[in-house]
Amino acid sequence: MSVKTVSLPCPNCGKTVMMTEAFPERPFCSKRCKDIDFGDWASESYQIEGSDESAESWSEDQR
């Protein structure tokens, strides 16, 4: 039985990343690419689609 290793492009730079222990930051190729992606989420450069209604009803005061 042969085992196939999955590879995919780094979401940030496109470099091929193998889904093995050789790439501990997977699916990113490096810590740098992982940190860049995190910074984009933190600065709200990325957004997840949703309805305007759900955004208006949410409040930090609700717990």
PDB file of N, CA and C in Angstrom:
ATOM      1  N   MET A   1       0.840  -1.173   0.000  1.00  0.00           N
ATOM      2  CA  MET A   1       0.000   0.000   0.000  1.00  0.00           C
ATOM      3  C   MET A   1       0.891   1.244   0.000  1.00  0.00           C
ATOM      4  N   SER A   2       0.603   2.172  -0.878  1.00  0.00           N
ATOM      5  CA  SER A   2       1.390   3.396  -0.918  1.00  0.00           C
ATOM      6  C   SER A   2       0.596   4.531  -0.262  1.00  0.00           C
ATOM      7  N   VAL A   3       1.330   5.411   0.372  1.00  0.00           N
ATOM      8  CA  VAL A   3       0.726   6.552   1.042  1.00  0.00           C
ATOM      9  C   VAL A   3       1.051   7.790   0.221  1.00  0.00           C
ATOM     10  N   LYS A   4       0.032   8.563  -0.104  1.00  0.00           N
ATOM     11  CA  LYS A   4       0.239   9.790  -0.856  1.00  0.00           C
ATOM     12  C   LYS A   4       0.287  10.966   0.108  1.00  0.00           C
ATOM     13  N   THR A   5       1.217  11.864  -0.128  1.00  0.00           N
ATOM     14  CA  THR A   5       1.334  13.066   0.680  1.00  0.00           C
ATOM     15  C   THR A   5       0.623  14.206  -0.043  1.00  0.00           C
ATOM     16  N   VAL A   6      -0.239  14.884   0.676  1.00  0.00           N
ATOM     17  CA  VAL A   6      -0.996  15.984   0.100  1.00  0.00           C
ATOM     18  C   VAL A   6      -0.117  17.229   0.076  1.00  0.00           C
ATOM     19  N   SER A   7      -0.180  17.946  -1.024  1.00  0.00           N
ATOM     20  CA  SER A   7       0.506  19.227  -1.111  1.00  0.00           C
ATOM     21  C   SER A   7      -0.496  20.260  -1.602  1.00  0.00           C
ATOM     22  N   LEU A   8      -0.287  21.487  -1.207  1.00  0.00           N
ATOM     23  CA  LEU A   8      -1.133  22.581  -1.645  1.00  0.00           C
ATOM     24  C   LEU A   8      -0.345  23.869  -1.602  1.00  0.00           C
ATOM     25  N   PRO A   9      -0.838  24.903  -2.275  1.00  0.00           N
ATOM     26  CA  PRO A   9      -0.104  26.169  -2.271  1.00  0.00           C
ATOM     27  C   PRO A   9      -0.309  26.923  -0.959  1.00  0.00           C
ATOM     28  N   CYS A  10       0.719  27.610  -0.512  1.00  0.00           N
ATOM     29  CA  CYS A  10       0.620  28.468   0.665  1.00  0.00           C
ATOM     30  C   CYS A  10      -0.448  29.525   0.376  1.00  0.00           C
ATOM     31  N   PRO A  11      -1.398  29.748   1.296  1.00  0.00           N
ATOM     32  CA  PRO A  11      -2.449  30.734   1.060  1.00  0.00           C
ATOM     33  C   PRO A  11      -1.918  32.159   0.879  1.00  0.00           C
ATOM     34  N   ASN A  12      -0.708  32.416   1.331  1.00  0.00           N
ATOM     35  CA  ASN A  12      -0.160  33.774   1.243  1.00  0.00           C
ATOM     36  C   ASN A  12       0.700  33.977  -0.007  1.00  0.00           C
ATOM     37  N   CYS A  13       1.703  33.117  -0.205  1.00  0.00           N
ATOM     38  CA  CYS A  13       2.662  33.352  -1.295  1.00  0.00           C
ATOM     39  C   CYS A  13       2.549  32.372  -2.451  1.00  0.00           C
ATOM     40  N   GLY A  14       1.847  31.258  -2.260  1.00  0.00           N
ATOM     41  CA  GLY A  14       1.664  30.298  -3.333  1.00  0.00           C
ATOM     42  C   GLY A  14       2.708  29.199  -3.418  1.00  0.00           C
ATOM     43  N   LYS A  15       3.744  29.247  -2.566  1.00  0.00           N
ATOM     44  CA  LYS A  15       4.773  28.212  -2.564  1.00  0.00           C
ATOM     45  C   LYS A  15       4.140  26.866  -2.177  1.00  0.00           C
ATOM     46  N   THR A  16       4.612  25.779  -2.769  1.00  0.00           N
ATOM     47  CA  THR A  16       4.067  24.454  -2.477  1.00  0.00           C
ATOM     48  C   THR A  16       4.401  24.036  -1.046  1.00  0.00           C
ATOM     49  N   VAL A  17       3.378  23.586  -0.328  1.00  0.00           N
ATOM     50  CA  VAL A  17       3.527  23.144   1.055  1.00  0.00           C
ATOM     51  C   VAL A  17       3.077  21.695   1.135  1.00  0.00           C
ATOM     52  N   MET A  18       3.927  20.844   1.675  1.00  0.00           N
ATOM     53  CA  MET A  18       3.574  19.442   1.881  1.00  0.00           C
ATOM     54  C   MET A  18       2.927  19.319   3.262  1.00  0.00           C
ATOM     55  N   MET A  19       1.899  18.526   3.360  1.00  0.00           N
ATOM     56  CA  MET A  19       1.219  18.333   4.636  1.00  0.00           C
ATOM     57  C   MET A  19       1.957  17.266   5.457  1.00  0.00           C
ATOM     58  N   THR A  20       3.192  17.613   5.840  1.00  0.00           N
ATOM     59  CA  THR A  20       4.046  16.715   6.624  1.00  0.00           C
ATOM     60  C   THR A  20       4.661  17.501   7.774  1.00  0.00           C
ATOM     61  N   GLU A  21       5.345  16.802   8.628  1.00  0.00           N
ATOM     62  CA  GLU A  21       6.030  17.430   9.761  1.00  0.00           C
ATOM     63  C   GLU A  21       7.130  18.388   9.307  1.00  0.00           C
ATOM     64  N   ALA A  22       7.560  18.280   8.077  1.00  0.00           N
ATOM     65  CA  ALA A  22       8.600  19.169   7.551  1.00  0.00           C
ATOM     66  C   ALA A  22       8.106  20.610   7.436  1.00  0.00           C
ATOM     67  N   PHE A  23       6.799  20.796   7.456  1.00  0.00           N
ATOM     68  CA  PHE A  23       6.195  22.126   7.374  1.00  0.00           C
ATOM     69  C   PHE A  23       5.323  22.356   8.610  1.00  0.00           C
ATOM     70  N   PRO A  24       5.923  22.714   9.742  1.00  0.00           N
ATOM     71  CA  PRO A  24       5.160  22.862  10.982  1.00  0.00           C
ATOM     72  C   PRO A  24       4.140  24.001  10.957  1.00  0.00           C
ATOM     73  N   GLU A  25       4.271  24.945  10.043  1.00  0.00           N
ATOM     74  CA  GLU A  25       3.334  26.070   9.968  1.00  0.00           C
ATOM     75  C   GLU A  25       2.215  25.808   8.959  1.00  0.00           C
ATOM     76  N   ARG A  26       2.116  24.562   8.475  1.00  0.00           N
ATOM     77  CA  ARG A  26       1.127  24.243   7.446  1.00  0.00           C
ATOM     78  C   ARG A  26      -0.259  24.714   7.841  1.00  0.00           C
ATOM     79  N   PRO A  27      -1.056  25.216   6.945  1.00  0.00           N
ATOM     80  CA  PRO A  27      -0.937  25.193   5.503  1.00  0.00           C
ATOM     81  C   PRO A  27      -0.048  26.311   4.943  1.00  0.00           C
ATOM     82  N   PHE A  28       0.610  27.052   5.816  1.00  0.00           N
ATOM     83  CA  PHE A  28       1.518  28.106   5.358  1.00  0.00           C
ATOM     84  C   PHE A  28       2.914  27.528   5.194  1.00  0.00           C
ATOM     85  N   CYS A  29       3.723  28.176   4.341  1.00  0.00           N
ATOM     86  CA  CYS A  29       5.076  27.664   4.101  1.00  0.00           C
ATOM     87  C   CYS A  29       6.044  28.091   5.196  1.00  0.00           C
ATOM     88  N   SER A  30       5.718  29.159   5.928  1.00  0.00           N
ATOM     89  CA  SER A  30       6.635  29.668   6.943  1.00  0.00           C
ATOM     90  C   SER A  30       5.874  30.457   8.010  1.00  0.00           C
ATOM     91  N   LYS A  31       6.558  30.742   9.096  1.00  0.00           N
ATOM     92  CA  LYS A  31       5.956  31.563  10.149  1.00  0.00           C
ATOM     93  C   LYS A  31       5.649  32.961   9.616  1.00  0.00           C
ATOM     94  N   ARG A  32       6.514  33.462   8.735  1.00  0.00           N
ATOM     95  CA  ARG A  32       6.293  34.788   8.160  1.00  0.00           C
ATOM     96  C   ARG A  32       4.953  34.853   7.427  1.00  0.00           C
ATOM     97  N   CYS A  33       4.686  33.875   6.568  1.00  0.00           N
ATOM     98  CA  CYS A  33       3.415  33.860   5.836  1.00  0.00           C
ATOM     99  C   CYS A  33       2.233  33.685   6.791  1.00  0.00           C
ATOM    100  N   LYS A  34       2.411  32.871   7.816  1.00  0.00           N
ATOM    101  CA  LYS A  34       1.357  32.683   8.812  1.00  0.00           C
ATOM    102  C   LYS A  34       1.070  33.998   9.541  1.00  0.00           C
ATOM    103  N   ASP A  35       2.114  34.725   9.910  1.00  0.00           N
ATOM    104  CA  ASP A  35       1.952  36.008  10.612  1.00  0.00           C
ATOM    105  C   ASP A  35       1.317  37.072   9.717  1.00  0.00           C
ATOM    106  N   ILE A  36       1.669  37.073   8.434  1.00  0.00           N
ATOM    107  CA  ILE A  36       1.063  38.021   7.498  1.00  0.00           C
ATOM    108  C   ILE A  36      -0.439  37.762   7.413  1.00  0.00           C
ATOM    109  N   ASP A  37      -0.832  36.499   7.311  1.00  0.00           N
ATOM    110  CA  ASP A  37      -2.246  36.144   7.238  1.00  0.00           C
ATOM    111  C   ASP A  37      -2.966  36.553   8.519  1.00  0.00           C
ATOM    112  N   PHE A  38      -2.362  36.290   9.663  1.00  0.00           N
ATOM    113  CA  PHE A  38      -2.963  36.682  10.940  1.00  0.00           C
ATOM    114  C   PHE A  38      -3.143  38.199  11.015  1.00  0.00           C
ATOM    115  N   GLY A  39      -2.143  38.948  10.559  1.00  0.00           N
ATOM    116  CA  GLY A  39      -2.234  40.405  10.558  1.00  0.00           C
ATOM    117  C   GLY A  39      -3.372  40.904   9.687  1.00  0.00           C
ATOM    118  N   ASP A  40      -3.606  40.234   8.553  1.00  0.00           N
ATOM    119  CA  ASP A  40      -4.725  40.615   7.693  1.00  0.00           C
ATOM    120  C   ASP A  40      -6.063  40.381   8.387  1.00  0.00           C
ATOM    121  N   TRP A  41      -6.186  39.279   9.125  1.00  0.00           N
ATOM    122  CA  TRP A  41      -7.425  39.042   9.881  1.00  0.00           C
ATOM    123  C   TRP A  41      -7.560  40.072  10.996  1.00  0.00           C
ATOM    124  N   ALA A  42      -6.474  40.351  11.709  1.00  0.00           N
ATOM    125  CA  ALA A  42      -6.521  41.284  12.837  1.00  0.00           C
ATOM    126  C   ALA A  42      -6.863  42.706  12.401  1.00  0.00           C
ATOM    127  N   SER A  43      -6.420  43.090  11.209  1.00  0.00           N
ATOM    128  CA  SER A  43      -6.710  44.442  10.712  1.00  0.00           C
ATOM    129  C   SER A  43      -8.043  44.493   9.961  1.00  0.00           C
ATOM    130  N   GLU A  44      -8.760  43.374   9.969  1.00  0.00           N
ATOM    131  CA  GLU A  44     -10.061  43.243   9.323  1.00  0.00           C
ATOM    132  C   GLU A  44      -9.996  43.423   7.812  1.00  0.00           C
ATOM    133  N   SER A  45      -8.856  43.042   7.210  1.00  0.00           N
ATOM    134  CA  SER A  45      -8.750  43.041   5.755  1.00  0.00           C
ATOM    135  C   SER A  45      -9.613  41.932   5.160  1.00  0.00           C
ATOM    136  N   TYR A  46      -9.808  40.861   5.918  1.00  0.00           N
ATOM    137  CA  TYR A  46     -10.675  39.764   5.496  1.00  0.00           C
ATOM    138  C   TYR A  46     -12.012  39.922   6.201  1.00  0.00           C
ATOM    139  N   GLN A  47     -13.066  39.512   5.529  1.00  0.00           N
ATOM    140  CA  GLN A  47     -14.393  39.537   6.139  1.00  0.00           C
ATOM    141  C   GLN A  47     -15.146  38.287   5.743  1.00  0.00           C
ATOM    142  N   ILE A  48     -15.966  37.796   6.637  1.00  0.00           N
ATOM    143  CA  ILE A  48     -16.825  36.662   6.364  1.00  0.00           C
ATOM    144  C   ILE A  48     -18.208  37.218   6.067  1.00  0.00           C
ATOM    145  N   GLU A  49     -18.784  36.786   4.945  1.00  0.00           N
ATOM    146  CA  GLU A  49     -20.086  37.310   4.549  1.00  0.00           C
ATOM    147  C   GLU A  49     -21.148  36.969   5.573  1.00  0.00           C
ATOM    148  N   GLY A  50     -22.064  37.881   5.756  1.00  0.00           N
ATOM    149  CA  GLY A  50     -23.199  37.688   6.633  1.00  0.00           C
ATOM    150  C   GLY A  50     -24.229  38.743   6.317  1.00  0.00           C
ATOM    151  N   SER A  51     -25.391  38.603   6.903  1.00  0.00           N
ATOM    152  CA  SER A  51     -26.433  39.589   6.641  1.00  0.00           C
ATOM    153  C   SER A  51     -26.201  40.832   7.490  1.00  0.00           C
ATOM    154  N   ASP A  52     -26.692  41.965   7.009  1.00  0.00           N
ATOM    155  CA  ASP A  52     -26.585  43.211   7.774  1.00  0.00           C
ATOM    156  C   ASP A  52     -27.351  43.110   9.075  1.00  0.00           C
ATOM    157  N   GLU A  53     -28.432  42.358   9.061  1.00  0.00           N
ATOM    158  CA  GLU A  53     -29.260  42.202  10.250  1.00  0.00           C
ATOM    159  C   GLU A  53     -28.472  41.578  11.403  1.00  0.00           C
ATOM    160  N   SER A  54     -27.684  40.552  11.109  1.00  0.00           N
ATOM    161  CA  SER A  54     -26.925  39.891  12.172  1.00  0.00           C
ATOM    162  C   SER A  54     -25.835  40.811  12.715  1.00  0.00           C
ATOM    163  N   ALA A  55     -25.260  41.656  11.865  1.00  0.00           N
ATOM    164  CA  ALA A  55     -24.220  42.581  12.327  1.00  0.00           C
ATOM    165  C   ALA A  55     -24.808  43.657  13.235  1.00  0.00           C
ATOM    166  N   GLU A  56     -26.001  44.104  12.928  1.00  0.00           N
ATOM    167  CA  GLU A  56     -26.634  45.159  13.729  1.00  0.00           C
ATOM    168  C   GLU A  56     -27.117  44.633  15.067  1.00  0.00           C
ATOM    169  N   SER A  57     -27.494  43.351  15.139  1.00  0.00           N
ATOM    170  CA  SER A  57     -28.040  42.829  16.382  1.00  0.00           C
ATOM    171  C   SER A  57     -26.960  42.407  17.369  1.00  0.00           C
ATOM    172  N   TRP A  58     -25.717  42.283  16.895  1.00  0.00           N
ATOM    173  CA  TRP A  58     -24.631  41.847  17.765  1.00  0.00           C
ATOM    174  C   TRP A  58     -24.057  43.041  18.526  1.00  0.00           C
ATOM    175  N   SER A  59     -23.727  42.839  19.781  1.00  0.00           N
ATOM    176  CA  SER A  59     -23.138  43.885  20.589  1.00  0.00           C
ATOM    177  C   SER A  59     -22.152  43.261  21.552  1.00  0.00           C
ATOM    178  N   GLU A  60     -21.093  43.998  21.874  1.00  0.00           N
ATOM    179  CA  GLU A  60     -20.135  43.480  22.861  1.00  0.00           C
ATOM    180  C   GLU A  60     -20.734  43.454  24.254  1.00  0.00           C
ATOM    181  N   ASP A  61     -21.823  44.173  24.466  1.00  0.00           N
ATOM    182  CA  ASP A  61     -22.479  44.175  25.769  1.00  0.00           C
ATOM    183  C   ASP A  61     -23.269  42.889  26.005  1.00  0.00           C
ATOM    184  N   GLN A  62     -23.592  42.168  24.942  1.00  0.00           N
ATOM    185  CA  GLN A  62     -24.338  40.926  25.071  1.00  0.00           C
ATOM    186  C   GLN A  62     -23.375  39.809  25.447  1.00  0.00           C
ATOM    187  N   ARG A  63     -23.664  39.126  26.506  1.00  0.00           N
ATOM    188  CA  ARG A  63     -22.797  38.020  26.927  1.00  0.00           C
ATOM    189  C   ARG A  63     -23.621  36.849  27.342  1.00  0.00           C
TER     190      ARG A  63
END
